Each structure stands twice: as C-alpha cells, then as structure tokens.
Amino acid sequence: MKRIEAIIRSDKLNKVVEALKKENVGGLSVYKTRGRGAGERPLVRGSRGTTQYTADFNTCETVMTVVDDSKVDSIVAAITIAARTGEKGDGKIFVTNVEKTYDISLVQEGSMT
C-alpha cells in the first residue's frame, strides 16, 4: 500500500476531492497547512491597514489518502490534472510506503502485544 500526500493551493481543493471521488478513493483526510515554496507569498496588511508586508508562509491544503500500489499512477495523475495551474507554487505530491494499517474498531484488546 502507498500513502499519497498532496500539498495543493486552497482554491483547488474541491477539484482535487472530486477527482479522487471519480478514482474511487475509499477515504481521505484534508487539513490546512502553511508552507514556503516556489510560489509567491501574499501581501498582508497590518492591523490598522497602513502597512503591508509579505507573509512568511502560504496557506495551502494537504490531502492524504492510502491506496493499493496499483492505483498510485492514476491517483497521482488525477491530482495533478485537478490541481495544476501551470504557475510556480502549484504544490507537491509525496508517495511513501505503508507497511501496516490497523482499523481501530477491529483490533482486539491485548492482540497487539
């Protein structure tokens, strides 16, 4: 099994989630993240609106799912198509190995020792 994590622009989240639904992904997690990469960081106004500065981080979304090895290429392609704008800062996709998974509701007490 593989864990796929995609860090994407916030405005592309709905498109990516829809693309993953079409690929029949069973489950996913989404969380807000802040990061610093190649994309331009936004200008932020001071509390009184009189000053501006460049934010240290971009606000983005991370979408994470775990899939069978055979689905990795189609999932990565779906995310890429849905998230791409063609500009710097579109995001990153990470694919890592998953050695084991446990469904918490199915693990019997004492069976992990």
PDB file of N, CA and C in Angstrom:
ATOM      1  N   MET A   1       0.835  -1.174   0.000  1.00  0.00           N
ATOM      2  CA  MET A   1       0.000   0.000   0.000  1.00  0.00           C
ATOM      3  C   MET A   1       0.883   1.241   0.000  1.00  0.00           C
ATOM      4  N   LYS A   2       0.327   2.328  -0.495  1.00  0.00           N
ATOM      5  CA  LYS A   2       1.052   3.599  -0.578  1.00  0.00           C
ATOM      6  C   LYS A   2       0.230   4.722   0.064  1.00  0.00           C
ATOM      7  N   ARG A   3       0.944   5.621   0.703  1.00  0.00           N
ATOM      8  CA  ARG A   3       0.330   6.837   1.243  1.00  0.00           C
ATOM      9  C   ARG A   3       0.642   7.955   0.260  1.00  0.00           C
ATOM     10  N   ILE A   4      -0.391   8.638  -0.185  1.00  0.00           N
ATOM     11  CA  ILE A   4      -0.230   9.752  -1.114  1.00  0.00           C
ATOM     12  C   ILE A   4      -0.635  11.019  -0.378  1.00  0.00           C
ATOM     13  N   GLU A   5       0.293  11.973  -0.304  1.00  0.00           N
ATOM     14  CA  GLU A   5       0.026  13.270   0.295  1.00  0.00           C
ATOM     15  C   GLU A   5       0.245  14.329  -0.769  1.00  0.00           C
ATOM     16  N   ALA A   6      -0.759  15.152  -0.969  1.00  0.00           N
ATOM     17  CA  ALA A   6      -0.668  16.225  -1.957  1.00  0.00           C
ATOM     18  C   ALA A   6      -0.856  17.557  -1.248  1.00  0.00           C
ATOM     19  N   ILE A   7       0.132  18.421  -1.363  1.00  0.00           N
ATOM     20  CA  ILE A   7       0.029  19.779  -0.846  1.00  0.00           C
ATOM     21  C   ILE A   7      -0.370  20.646  -2.030  1.00  0.00           C
ATOM     22  N   ILE A   8      -1.539  21.262  -1.924  1.00  0.00           N
ATOM     23  CA  ILE A   8      -2.106  21.971  -3.071  1.00  0.00           C
ATOM     24  C   ILE A   8      -2.575  23.365  -2.663  1.00  0.00           C
ATOM     25  N   ARG A   9      -2.842  24.199  -3.664  1.00  0.00           N
ATOM     26  CA  ARG A   9      -3.432  25.519  -3.419  1.00  0.00           C
ATOM     27  C   ARG A   9      -4.830  25.332  -2.850  1.00  0.00           C
ATOM     28  N   SER A  10      -5.191  26.196  -1.924  1.00  0.00           N
ATOM     29  CA  SER A  10      -6.505  26.091  -1.272  1.00  0.00           C
ATOM     30  C   SER A  10      -7.660  26.173  -2.266  1.00  0.00           C
ATOM     31  N   ASP A  11      -7.518  26.979  -3.301  1.00  0.00           N
ATOM     32  CA  ASP A  11      -8.617  27.134  -4.257  1.00  0.00           C
ATOM     33  C   ASP A  11      -8.792  25.915  -5.163  1.00  0.00           C
ATOM     34  N   LYS A  12      -7.897  24.948  -5.095  1.00  0.00           N
ATOM     35  CA  LYS A  12      -8.000  23.731  -5.913  1.00  0.00           C
ATOM     36  C   LYS A  12      -8.530  22.532  -5.127  1.00  0.00           C
ATOM     37  N   LEU A  13      -8.841  22.732  -3.850  1.00  0.00           N
ATOM     38  CA  LEU A  13      -9.246  21.610  -3.001  1.00  0.00           C
ATOM     39  C   LEU A  13     -10.477  20.885  -3.533  1.00  0.00           C
ATOM     40  N   ASN A  14     -11.525  21.610  -3.868  1.00  0.00           N
ATOM     41  CA  ASN A  14     -12.752  20.958  -4.341  1.00  0.00           C
ATOM     42  C   ASN A  14     -12.523  20.148  -5.606  1.00  0.00           C
ATOM     43  N   LYS A  15     -11.740  20.676  -6.528  1.00  0.00           N
ATOM     44  CA  LYS A  15     -11.445  19.943  -7.767  1.00  0.00           C
ATOM     45  C   LYS A  15     -10.676  18.658  -7.480  1.00  0.00           C
ATOM     46  N   VAL A  16      -9.713  18.726  -6.556  1.00  0.00           N
ATOM     47  CA  VAL A  16      -8.918  17.540  -6.219  1.00  0.00           C
ATOM     48  C   VAL A  16      -9.794  16.490  -5.534  1.00  0.00           C
ATOM     49  N   VAL A  17     -10.633  16.900  -4.605  1.00  0.00           N
ATOM     50  CA  VAL A  17     -11.513  15.948  -3.915  1.00  0.00           C
ATOM     51  C   VAL A  17     -12.464  15.291  -4.913  1.00  0.00           C
ATOM     52  N   GLU A  18     -13.015  16.054  -5.824  1.00  0.00           N
ATOM     53  CA  GLU A  18     -13.897  15.482  -6.851  1.00  0.00           C
ATOM     54  C   GLU A  18     -13.149  14.491  -7.737  1.00  0.00           C
ATOM     55  N   ALA A  19     -11.914  14.825  -8.093  1.00  0.00           N
ATOM     56  CA  ALA A  19     -11.103  13.917  -8.912  1.00  0.00           C
ATOM     57  C   ALA A  19     -10.836  12.612  -8.166  1.00  0.00           C
ATOM     58  N   LEU A  20     -10.587  12.693  -6.866  1.00  0.00           N
ATOM     59  CA  LEU A  20     -10.345  11.484  -6.073  1.00  0.00           C
ATOM     60  C   LEU A  20     -11.618  10.647  -5.939  1.00  0.00           C
ATOM     61  N   LYS A  21     -12.764  11.275  -5.840  1.00  0.00           N
ATOM     62  CA  LYS A  21     -14.029  10.534  -5.807  1.00  0.00           C
ATOM     63  C   LYS A  21     -14.218   9.750  -7.098  1.00  0.00           C
ATOM     64  N   LYS A  22     -13.902  10.384  -8.231  1.00  0.00           N
ATOM     65  CA  LYS A  22     -14.031   9.709  -9.533  1.00  0.00           C
ATOM     66  C   LYS A  22     -13.082   8.525  -9.649  1.00  0.00           C
ATOM     67  N   GLU A  23     -11.968   8.580  -8.908  1.00  0.00           N
ATOM     68  CA  GLU A  23     -10.998   7.474  -8.907  1.00  0.00           C
ATOM     69  C   GLU A  23     -11.349   6.419  -7.857  1.00  0.00           C
ATOM     70  N   ASN A  24     -12.505   6.583  -7.216  1.00  0.00           N
ATOM     71  CA  ASN A  24     -12.999   5.641  -6.210  1.00  0.00           C
ATOM     72  C   ASN A  24     -12.068   5.474  -5.014  1.00  0.00           C
ATOM     73  N   VAL A  25     -11.488   6.584  -4.572  1.00  0.00           N
ATOM     74  CA  VAL A  25     -10.672   6.552  -3.361  1.00  0.00           C
ATOM     75  C   VAL A  25     -11.615   6.327  -2.185  1.00  0.00           C
ATOM     76  N   GLY A  26     -11.305   5.348  -1.348  1.00  0.00           N
ATOM     77  CA  GLY A  26     -12.191   4.980  -0.248  1.00  0.00           C
ATOM     78  C   GLY A  26     -12.258   6.001   0.862  1.00  0.00           C
ATOM     79  N   GLY A  27     -11.182   6.649   1.169  1.00  0.00           N
ATOM     80  CA  GLY A  27     -11.170   7.628   2.243  1.00  0.00           C
ATOM     81  C   GLY A  27     -10.015   8.585   2.067  1.00  0.00           C
ATOM     82  N   LEU A  28     -10.137   9.738   2.683  1.00  0.00           N
ATOM     83  CA  LEU A  28      -9.058  10.718   2.607  1.00  0.00           C
ATOM     84  C   LEU A  28      -9.159  11.655   3.791  1.00  0.00           C
ATOM     85  N   SER A  29      -8.069  12.314   4.065  1.00  0.00           N
ATOM     86  CA  SER A  29      -8.025  13.337   5.105  1.00  0.00           C
ATOM     87  C   SER A  29      -7.570  14.633   4.463  1.00  0.00           C
ATOM     88  N   VAL A  30      -8.126  15.738   4.940  1.00  0.00           N
ATOM     89  CA  VAL A  30      -7.765  17.060   4.440  1.00  0.00           C
ATOM     90  C   VAL A  30      -7.452  17.928   5.635  1.00  0.00           C
ATOM     91  N   TYR A  31      -6.340  18.648   5.568  1.00  0.00           N
ATOM     92  CA  TYR A  31      -6.027  19.576   6.637  1.00  0.00           C
ATOM     93  C   TYR A  31      -5.329  20.800   6.090  1.00  0.00           C
ATOM     94  N   LYS A  32      -5.578  21.929   6.768  1.00  0.00           N
ATOM     95  CA  LYS A  32      -4.944  23.194   6.381  1.00  0.00           C
ATOM     96  C   LYS A  32      -3.482  23.148   6.770  1.00  0.00           C
ATOM     97  N   THR A  33      -2.643  23.621   5.883  1.00  0.00           N
ATOM     98  CA  THR A  33      -1.212  23.683   6.176  1.00  0.00           C
ATOM     99  C   THR A  33      -0.681  25.040   5.739  1.00  0.00           C
ATOM    100  N   ARG A  34       0.458  25.368   6.266  1.00  0.00           N
ATOM    101  CA  ARG A  34       1.160  26.574   5.841  1.00  0.00           C
ATOM    102  C   ARG A  34       2.551  26.136   5.417  1.00  0.00           C
ATOM    103  N   GLY A  35       3.025  26.707   4.348  1.00  0.00           N
ATOM    104  CA  GLY A  35       4.333  26.305   3.857  1.00  0.00           C
ATOM    105  C   GLY A  35       4.999  27.403   3.064  1.00  0.00           C
ATOM    106  N   ARG A  36       6.214  27.107   2.708  1.00  0.00           N
ATOM    107  CA  ARG A  36       7.010  28.068   1.962  1.00  0.00           C
ATOM    108  C   ARG A  36       7.711  27.321   0.839  1.00  0.00           C
ATOM    109  N   GLY A  37       7.359  27.661  -0.373  1.00  0.00           N
ATOM    110  CA  GLY A  37       7.946  27.006  -1.529  1.00  0.00           C
ATOM    111  C   GLY A  37       8.198  28.016  -2.622  1.00  0.00           C
ATOM    112  N   ALA A  38       8.049  27.565  -3.858  1.00  0.00           N
ATOM    113  CA  ALA A  38       8.371  28.403  -5.011  1.00  0.00           C
ATOM    114  C   ALA A  38       7.307  29.457  -5.299  1.00  0.00           C
ATOM    115  N   GLY A  39       6.103  29.258  -4.816  1.00  0.00           N
ATOM    116  CA  GLY A  39       5.018  30.192  -5.114  1.00  0.00           C
ATOM    117  C   GLY A  39       5.180  31.529  -4.414  1.00  0.00           C
ATOM    118  N   GLU A  40       4.550  32.534  -5.000  1.00  0.00           N
ATOM    119  CA  GLU A  40       4.597  33.864  -4.387  1.00  0.00           C
ATOM    120  C   GLU A  40       3.768  33.870  -3.121  1.00  0.00           C
ATOM    121  N   ARG A  41       4.289  34.503  -2.100  1.00  0.00           N
ATOM    122  CA  ARG A  41       3.546  34.641  -0.852  1.00  0.00           C
ATOM    123  C   ARG A  41       2.713  35.913  -0.917  1.00  0.00           C
ATOM    124  N   PRO A  42       1.552  35.882  -0.272  1.00  0.00           N
ATOM    125  CA  PRO A  42       0.640  37.028  -0.379  1.00  0.00           C
ATOM    126  C   PRO A  42       1.112  38.238   0.414  1.00  0.00           C
ATOM    127  N   LEU A  43       0.655  39.405  -0.021  1.00  0.00           N
ATOM    128  CA  LEU A  43       0.856  40.629   0.750  1.00  0.00           C
ATOM    129  C   LEU A  43      -0.201  40.679   1.835  1.00  0.00           C
ATOM    130  N   VAL A  44       0.227  41.048   3.031  1.00  0.00           N
ATOM    131  CA  VAL A  44      -0.677  41.123   4.174  1.00  0.00           C
ATOM    132  C   VAL A  44      -0.683  42.551   4.688  1.00  0.00           C
ATOM    133  N   ARG A  45      -1.865  43.045   5.001  1.00  0.00           N
ATOM    134  CA  ARG A  45      -1.974  44.396   5.570  1.00  0.00           C
ATOM    135  C   ARG A  45      -1.842  44.322   7.081  1.00  0.00           C
ATOM    136  N   GLY A  46      -1.230  45.361   7.640  1.00  0.00           N
ATOM    137  CA  GLY A  46      -1.116  45.469   9.094  1.00  0.00           C
ATOM    138  C   GLY A  46      -2.480  45.645   9.732  1.00  0.00           C
ATOM    139  N   SER A  47      -2.524  45.587  11.041  1.00  0.00           N
ATOM    140  CA  SER A  47      -3.803  45.615  11.757  1.00  0.00           C
ATOM    141  C   SER A  47      -4.598  46.889  11.521  1.00  0.00           C
ATOM    142  N   ARG A  48      -3.927  47.980  11.276  1.00  0.00           N
ATOM    143  CA  ARG A  48      -4.648  49.243  11.016  1.00  0.00           C
ATOM    144  C   ARG A  48      -4.760  49.546   9.523  1.00  0.00           C
ATOM    145  N   GLY A  49      -4.224  48.679   8.699  1.00  0.00           N
ATOM    146  CA  GLY A  49      -4.324  48.861   7.264  1.00  0.00           C
ATOM    147  C   GLY A  49      -3.353  49.852   6.675  1.00  0.00           C
ATOM    148  N   THR A  50      -2.399  50.327   7.476  1.00  0.00           N
ATOM    149  CA  THR A  50      -1.479  51.347   6.983  1.00  0.00           C
ATOM    150  C   THR A  50      -0.170  50.761   6.473  1.00  0.00           C
ATOM    151  N   THR A  51       0.138  49.540   6.822  1.00  0.00           N
ATOM    152  CA  THR A  51       1.384  48.912   6.366  1.00  0.00           C
ATOM    153  C   THR A  51       1.071  47.610   5.645  1.00  0.00           C
ATOM    154  N   GLN A  52       2.018  47.191   4.810  1.00  0.00           N
ATOM    155  CA  GLN A  52       1.911  45.916   4.102  1.00  0.00           C
ATOM    156  C   GLN A  52       3.223  45.177   4.241  1.00  0.00           C
ATOM    157  N   TYR A  53       3.128  43.867   4.306  1.00  0.00           N
ATOM    158  CA  TYR A  53       4.333  43.056   4.315  1.00  0.00           C
ATOM    159  C   TYR A  53       4.036  41.727   3.630  1.00  0.00           C
ATOM    160  N   THR A  54       5.083  41.042   3.207  1.00  0.00           N
ATOM    161  CA  THR A  54       4.929  39.733   2.575  1.00  0.00           C
ATOM    162  C   THR A  54       4.840  38.677   3.662  1.00  0.00           C
ATOM    163  N   ALA A  55       3.831  37.834   3.579  1.00  0.00           N
ATOM    164  CA  ALA A  55       3.639  36.771   4.564  1.00  0.00           C
ATOM    165  C   ALA A  55       4.816  35.800   4.507  1.00  0.00           C
ATOM    166  N   ASP A  56       5.158  35.227   5.644  1.00  0.00           N
ATOM    167  CA  ASP A  56       6.242  34.239   5.693  1.00  0.00           C
ATOM    168  C   ASP A  56       5.854  32.923   5.033  1.00  0.00           C
ATOM    169  N   PHE A  57       4.555  32.598   5.068  1.00  0.00           N
ATOM    170  CA  PHE A  57       4.098  31.307   4.555  1.00  0.00           C
ATOM    171  C   PHE A  57       2.858  31.481   3.690  1.00  0.00           C
ATOM    172  N   ASN A  58       2.680  30.549   2.772  1.00  0.00           N
ATOM    173  CA  ASN A  58       1.439  30.442   2.013  1.00  0.00           C
ATOM    174  C   ASN A  58       0.490  29.537   2.790  1.00  0.00           C
ATOM    175  N   THR A  59      -0.797  29.789   2.673  1.00  0.00           N
ATOM    176  CA  THR A  59      -1.786  28.887   3.227  1.00  0.00           C
ATOM    177  C   THR A  59      -2.192  27.919   2.126  1.00  0.00           C
ATOM    178  N   CYS A  60      -2.150  26.635   2.437  1.00  0.00           N
ATOM    179  CA  CYS A  60      -2.494  25.622   1.453  1.00  0.00           C
ATOM    180  C   CYS A  60      -3.259  24.492   2.134  1.00  0.00           C
ATOM    181  N   GLU A  61      -3.595  23.485   1.371  1.00  0.00           N
ATOM    182  CA  GLU A  61      -4.314  22.321   1.882  1.00  0.00           C
ATOM    183  C   GLU A  61      -3.470  21.087   1.615  1.00  0.00           C
ATOM    184  N   THR A  62      -3.534  20.133   2.530  1.00  0.00           N
ATOM    185  CA  THR A  62      -2.890  18.844   2.322  1.00  0.00           C
ATOM    186  C   THR A  62      -3.984  17.785   2.276  1.00  0.00           C
ATOM    187  N   VAL A  63      -3.959  16.994   1.218  1.00  0.00           N
ATOM    188  CA  VAL A  63      -4.903  15.895   1.046  1.00  0.00           C
ATOM    189  C   VAL A  63      -4.101  14.613   1.163  1.00  0.00           C
ATOM    190  N   MET A  64      -4.551  13.706   2.038  1.00  0.00           N
ATOM    191  CA  MET A  64      -3.823  12.464   2.268  1.00  0.00           C
ATOM    192  C   MET A  64      -4.764  11.285   2.102  1.00  0.00           C
ATOM    193  N   THR A  65      -4.273  10.252   1.434  1.00  0.00           N
ATOM    194  CA  THR A  65      -5.025   9.014   1.284  1.00  0.00           C
ATOM    195  C   THR A  65      -4.052   7.842   1.222  1.00  0.00           C
ATOM    196  N   VAL A  66      -4.549   6.648   1.482  1.00  0.00           N
ATOM    197  CA  VAL A  66      -3.760   5.423   1.375  1.00  0.00           C
ATOM    198  C   VAL A  66      -4.469   4.530   0.372  1.00  0.00           C
ATOM    199  N   VAL A  67      -3.712   4.060  -0.628  1.00  0.00           N
ATOM    200  CA  VAL A  67      -4.305   3.270  -1.712  1.00  0.00           C
ATOM    201  C   VAL A  67      -3.433   2.059  -2.028  1.00  0.00           C
ATOM    202  N   ASP A  68      -4.001   1.113  -2.771  1.00  0.00           N
ATOM    203  CA  ASP A  68      -3.229  -0.024  -3.263  1.00  0.00           C
ATOM    204  C   ASP A  68      -2.174   0.461  -4.256  1.00  0.00           C
ATOM    205  N   ASP A  69      -1.075  -0.255  -4.322  1.00  0.00           N
ATOM    206  CA  ASP A  69       0.020   0.121  -5.213  1.00  0.00           C
ATOM    207  C   ASP A  69      -0.446   0.297  -6.658  1.00  0.00           C
ATOM    208  N   SER A  70      -1.387  -0.519  -7.093  1.00  0.00           N
ATOM    209  CA  SER A  70      -1.839  -0.485  -8.483  1.00  0.00           C
ATOM    210  C   SER A  70      -2.572   0.810  -8.835  1.00  0.00           C
ATOM    211  N   LYS A  71      -3.041   1.553  -7.842  1.00  0.00           N
ATOM    212  CA  LYS A  71      -3.800   2.780  -8.097  1.00  0.00           C
ATOM    213  C   LYS A  71      -2.957   4.049  -8.056  1.00  0.00           C
ATOM    214  N   VAL A  72      -1.700   3.942  -7.677  1.00  0.00           N
ATOM    215  CA  VAL A  72      -0.879   5.138  -7.443  1.00  0.00           C
ATOM    216  C   VAL A  72      -0.798   6.028  -8.675  1.00  0.00           C
ATOM    217  N   ASP A  73      -0.477   5.474  -9.825  1.00  0.00           N
ATOM    218  CA  ASP A  73      -0.292   6.295 -11.026  1.00  0.00           C
ATOM    219  C   ASP A  73      -1.570   7.045 -11.412  1.00  0.00           C
ATOM    220  N   SER A  74      -2.715   6.366 -11.337  1.00  0.00           N
ATOM    221  CA  SER A  74      -3.968   7.040 -11.720  1.00  0.00           C
ATOM    222  C   SER A  74      -4.360   8.102 -10.695  1.00  0.00           C
ATOM    223  N   ILE A  75      -4.085   7.872  -9.421  1.00  0.00           N
ATOM    224  CA  ILE A  75      -4.396   8.855  -8.386  1.00  0.00           C
ATOM    225  C   ILE A  75      -3.508  10.085  -8.545  1.00  0.00           C
ATOM    226  N   VAL A  76      -2.220   9.864  -8.743  1.00  0.00           N
ATOM    227  CA  VAL A  76      -1.288  10.985  -8.921  1.00  0.00           C
ATOM    228  C   VAL A  76      -1.672  11.792 -10.167  1.00  0.00           C
ATOM    229  N   ALA A  77      -2.038  11.116 -11.238  1.00  0.00           N
ATOM    230  CA  ALA A  77      -2.456  11.818 -12.456  1.00  0.00           C
ATOM    231  C   ALA A  77      -3.716  12.639 -12.207  1.00  0.00           C
ATOM    232  N   ALA A  78      -4.684  12.084 -11.490  1.00  0.00           N
ATOM    233  CA  ALA A  78      -5.927  12.798 -11.207  1.00  0.00           C
ATOM    234  C   ALA A  78      -5.665  14.046 -10.369  1.00  0.00           C
ATOM    235  N   ILE A  79      -4.812  13.922  -9.357  1.00  0.00           N
ATOM    236  CA  ILE A  79      -4.480  15.074  -8.513  1.00  0.00           C
ATOM    237  C   ILE A  79      -3.769  16.139  -9.341  1.00  0.00           C
ATOM    238  N   THR A  80      -2.820  15.719 -10.148  1.00  0.00           N
ATOM    239  CA  THR A  80      -2.035  16.653 -10.955  1.00  0.00           C
ATOM    240  C   THR A  80      -2.926  17.440 -11.908  1.00  0.00           C
ATOM    241  N   ILE A  81      -3.812  16.754 -12.589  1.00  0.00           N
ATOM    242  CA  ILE A  81      -4.710  17.429 -13.535  1.00  0.00           C
ATOM    243  C   ILE A  81      -5.624  18.412 -12.808  1.00  0.00           C
ATOM    244  N   ALA A  82      -6.154  18.007 -11.660  1.00  0.00           N
ATOM    245  CA  ALA A  82      -7.098  18.858 -10.930  1.00  0.00           C
ATOM    246  C   ALA A  82      -6.428  20.062 -10.268  1.00  0.00           C
ATOM    247  N   ALA A  83      -5.164  19.912  -9.860  1.00  0.00           N
ATOM    248  CA  ALA A  83      -4.502  20.962  -9.074  1.00  0.00           C
ATOM    249  C   ALA A  83      -3.632  21.905  -9.896  1.00  0.00           C
ATOM    250  N   ARG A  84      -3.302  21.544 -11.107  1.00  0.00           N
ATOM    251  CA  ARG A  84      -2.349  22.330 -11.892  1.00  0.00           C
ATOM    252  C   ARG A  84      -2.933  23.639 -12.404  1.00  0.00           C
ATOM    253  N   THR A  85      -2.146  24.701 -12.227  1.00  0.00           N
ATOM    254  CA  THR A  85      -2.463  25.988 -12.854  1.00  0.00           C
ATOM    255  C   THR A  85      -1.398  26.348 -13.883  1.00  0.00           C
ATOM    256  N   GLY A  86      -0.246  25.694 -13.807  1.00  0.00           N
ATOM    257  CA  GLY A  86       0.864  25.997 -14.699  1.00  0.00           C
ATOM    258  C   GLY A  86       1.809  27.044 -14.137  1.00  0.00           C
ATOM    259  N   GLU A  87       1.540  27.510 -12.933  1.00  0.00           N
ATOM    260  CA  GLU A  87       2.380  28.525 -12.305  1.00  0.00           C
ATOM    261  C   GLU A  87       3.218  27.894 -11.196  1.00  0.00           C
ATOM    262  N   LYS A  88       4.263  28.603 -10.785  1.00  0.00           N
ATOM    263  CA  LYS A  88       5.037  28.147  -9.642  1.00  0.00           C
ATOM    264  C   LYS A  88       4.137  28.095  -8.424  1.00  0.00           C
ATOM    265  N   GLY A  89       4.387  27.126  -7.565  1.00  0.00           N
ATOM    266  CA  GLY A  89       3.621  27.035  -6.336  1.00  0.00           C
ATOM    267  C   GLY A  89       2.344  26.215  -6.443  1.00  0.00           C
ATOM    268  N   ASP A  90       2.216  25.408  -7.496  1.00  0.00           N
ATOM    269  CA  ASP A  90       1.027  24.561  -7.620  1.00  0.00           C
ATOM    270  C   ASP A  90       0.985  23.477  -6.549  1.00  0.00           C
ATOM    271  N   GLY A  91       2.132  23.089  -6.016  1.00  0.00           N
ATOM    272  CA  GLY A  91       2.146  22.113  -4.928  1.00  0.00           C
ATOM    273  C   GLY A  91       3.091  20.967  -5.167  1.00  0.00           C
ATOM    274  N   LYS A  92       3.008  19.988  -4.285  1.00  0.00           N
ATOM    275  CA  LYS A  92       3.849  18.788  -4.336  1.00  0.00           C
ATOM    276  C   LYS A  92       3.006  17.575  -4.008  1.00  0.00           C
ATOM    277  N   ILE A  93       3.404  16.431  -4.549  1.00  0.00           N
ATOM    278  CA  ILE A  93       2.778  15.151  -4.224  1.00  0.00           C
ATOM    279  C   ILE A  93       3.880  14.228  -3.725  1.00  0.00           C
ATOM    280  N   PHE A  94       3.637  13.606  -2.565  1.00  0.00           N
ATOM    281  CA  PHE A  94       4.584  12.671  -1.979  1.00  0.00           C
ATOM    282  C   PHE A  94       3.935  11.295  -1.918  1.00  0.00           C
ATOM    283  N   VAL A  95       4.680  10.267  -2.326  1.00  0.00           N
ATOM    284  CA  VAL A  95       4.199   8.890  -2.267  1.00  0.00           C
ATOM    285  C   VAL A  95       5.177   8.106  -1.396  1.00  0.00           C
ATOM    286  N   THR A  96       4.659   7.490  -0.338  1.00  0.00           N
ATOM    287  CA  THR A  96       5.503   6.722   0.570  1.00  0.00           C
ATOM    288  C   THR A  96       4.891   5.348   0.808  1.00  0.00           C
ATOM    289  N   ASN A  97       5.736   4.416   1.233  1.00  0.00           N
ATOM    290  CA  ASN A  97       5.284   3.058   1.544  1.00  0.00           C
ATOM    291  C   ASN A  97       4.544   3.022   2.876  1.00  0.00           C
ATOM    292  N   VAL A  98       3.528   2.166   2.940  1.00  0.00           N
ATOM    293  CA  VAL A  98       2.805   1.904   4.184  1.00  0.00           C
ATOM    294  C   VAL A  98       3.017   0.432   4.498  1.00  0.00           C
ATOM    295  N   GLU A  99       3.670   0.161   5.615  1.00  0.00           N
ATOM    296  CA  GLU A  99       3.962  -1.225   5.971  1.00  0.00           C
ATOM    297  C   GLU A  99       2.741  -1.952   6.519  1.00  0.00           C
ATOM    298  N   LYS A 100       2.000  -1.310   7.408  1.00  0.00           N
ATOM    299  CA  LYS A 100       0.830  -1.934   8.021  1.00  0.00           C
ATOM    300  C   LYS A 100      -0.231  -0.881   8.263  1.00  0.00           C
ATOM    301  N   THR A 101      -1.475  -1.332   8.291  1.00  0.00           N
ATOM    302  CA  THR A 101      -2.583  -0.468   8.716  1.00  0.00           C
ATOM    303  C   THR A 101      -3.425  -1.251   9.718  1.00  0.00           C
ATOM    304  N   TYR A 102      -4.037  -0.539  10.624  1.00  0.00           N
ATOM    305  CA  TYR A 102      -4.922  -1.149  11.624  1.00  0.00           C
ATOM    306  C   TYR A 102      -6.221  -0.366  11.659  1.00  0.00           C
ATOM    307  N   ASP A 103      -7.318  -1.075  11.620  1.00  0.00           N
ATOM    308  CA  ASP A 103      -8.619  -0.455  11.813  1.00  0.00           C
ATOM    309  C   ASP A 103      -8.895  -0.507  13.306  1.00  0.00           C
ATOM    310  N   ILE A 104      -8.920   0.637  13.946  1.00  0.00           N
ATOM    311  CA  ILE A 104      -9.007   0.711  15.404  1.00  0.00           C
ATOM    312  C   ILE A 104     -10.221  -0.035  15.940  1.00  0.00           C
ATOM    313  N   SER A 105     -11.332   0.037  15.243  1.00  0.00           N
ATOM    314  CA  SER A 105     -12.540  -0.625  15.746  1.00  0.00           C
ATOM    315  C   SER A 105     -12.457  -2.145  15.652  1.00  0.00           C
ATOM    316  N   LEU A 106     -11.516  -2.661  14.869  1.00  0.00           N
ATOM    317  CA  LEU A 106     -11.420  -4.117  14.695  1.00  0.00           C
ATOM    318  C   LEU A 106     -10.289  -4.763  15.485  1.00  0.00           C
ATOM    319  N   VAL A 107      -9.393  -3.962  16.049  1.00  0.00           N
ATOM    320  CA  VAL A 107      -8.269  -4.515  16.799  1.00  0.00           C
ATOM    321  C   VAL A 107      -8.777  -4.979  18.161  1.00  0.00           C
ATOM    322  N   GLN A 108      -8.488  -6.232  18.501  1.00  0.00           N
ATOM    323  CA  GLN A 108      -8.909  -6.799  19.781  1.00  0.00           C
ATOM    324  C   GLN A 108      -7.946  -6.363  20.882  1.00  0.00           C
ATOM    325  N   GLU A 109      -8.495  -6.063  22.043  1.00  0.00           N
ATOM    326  CA  GLU A 109      -7.673  -5.654  23.192  1.00  0.00           C
ATOM    327  C   GLU A 109      -6.700  -6.779  23.524  1.00  0.00           C
ATOM    328  N   GLY A 110      -5.433  -6.412  23.682  1.00  0.00           N
ATOM    329  CA  GLY A 110      -4.402  -7.374  24.029  1.00  0.00           C
ATOM    330  C   GLY A 110      -3.799  -8.099  22.845  1.00  0.00           C
ATOM    331  N   SER A 111      -4.343  -7.917  21.629  1.00  0.00           N
ATOM    332  CA  SER A 111      -3.814  -8.644  20.470  1.00  0.00           C
ATOM    333  C   SER A 111      -2.562  -8.011  19.889  1.00  0.00           C
ATOM    334  N   MET A 112      -2.193  -6.824  20.351  1.00  0.00           N
ATOM    335  CA  MET A 112      -1.028  -6.118  19.813  1.00  0.00           C
ATOM    336  C   MET A 112       0.242  -6.429  20.584  1.00  0.00           C
ATOM    337  N   THR A 113       0.171  -7.171  21.675  1.00  0.00           N
ATOM    338  CA  THR A 113       1.365  -7.437  22.486  1.00  0.00           C
ATOM    339  C   THR A 113       2.161  -8.575  21.973  1.00  0.00           C
TER     340      THR A 113
END
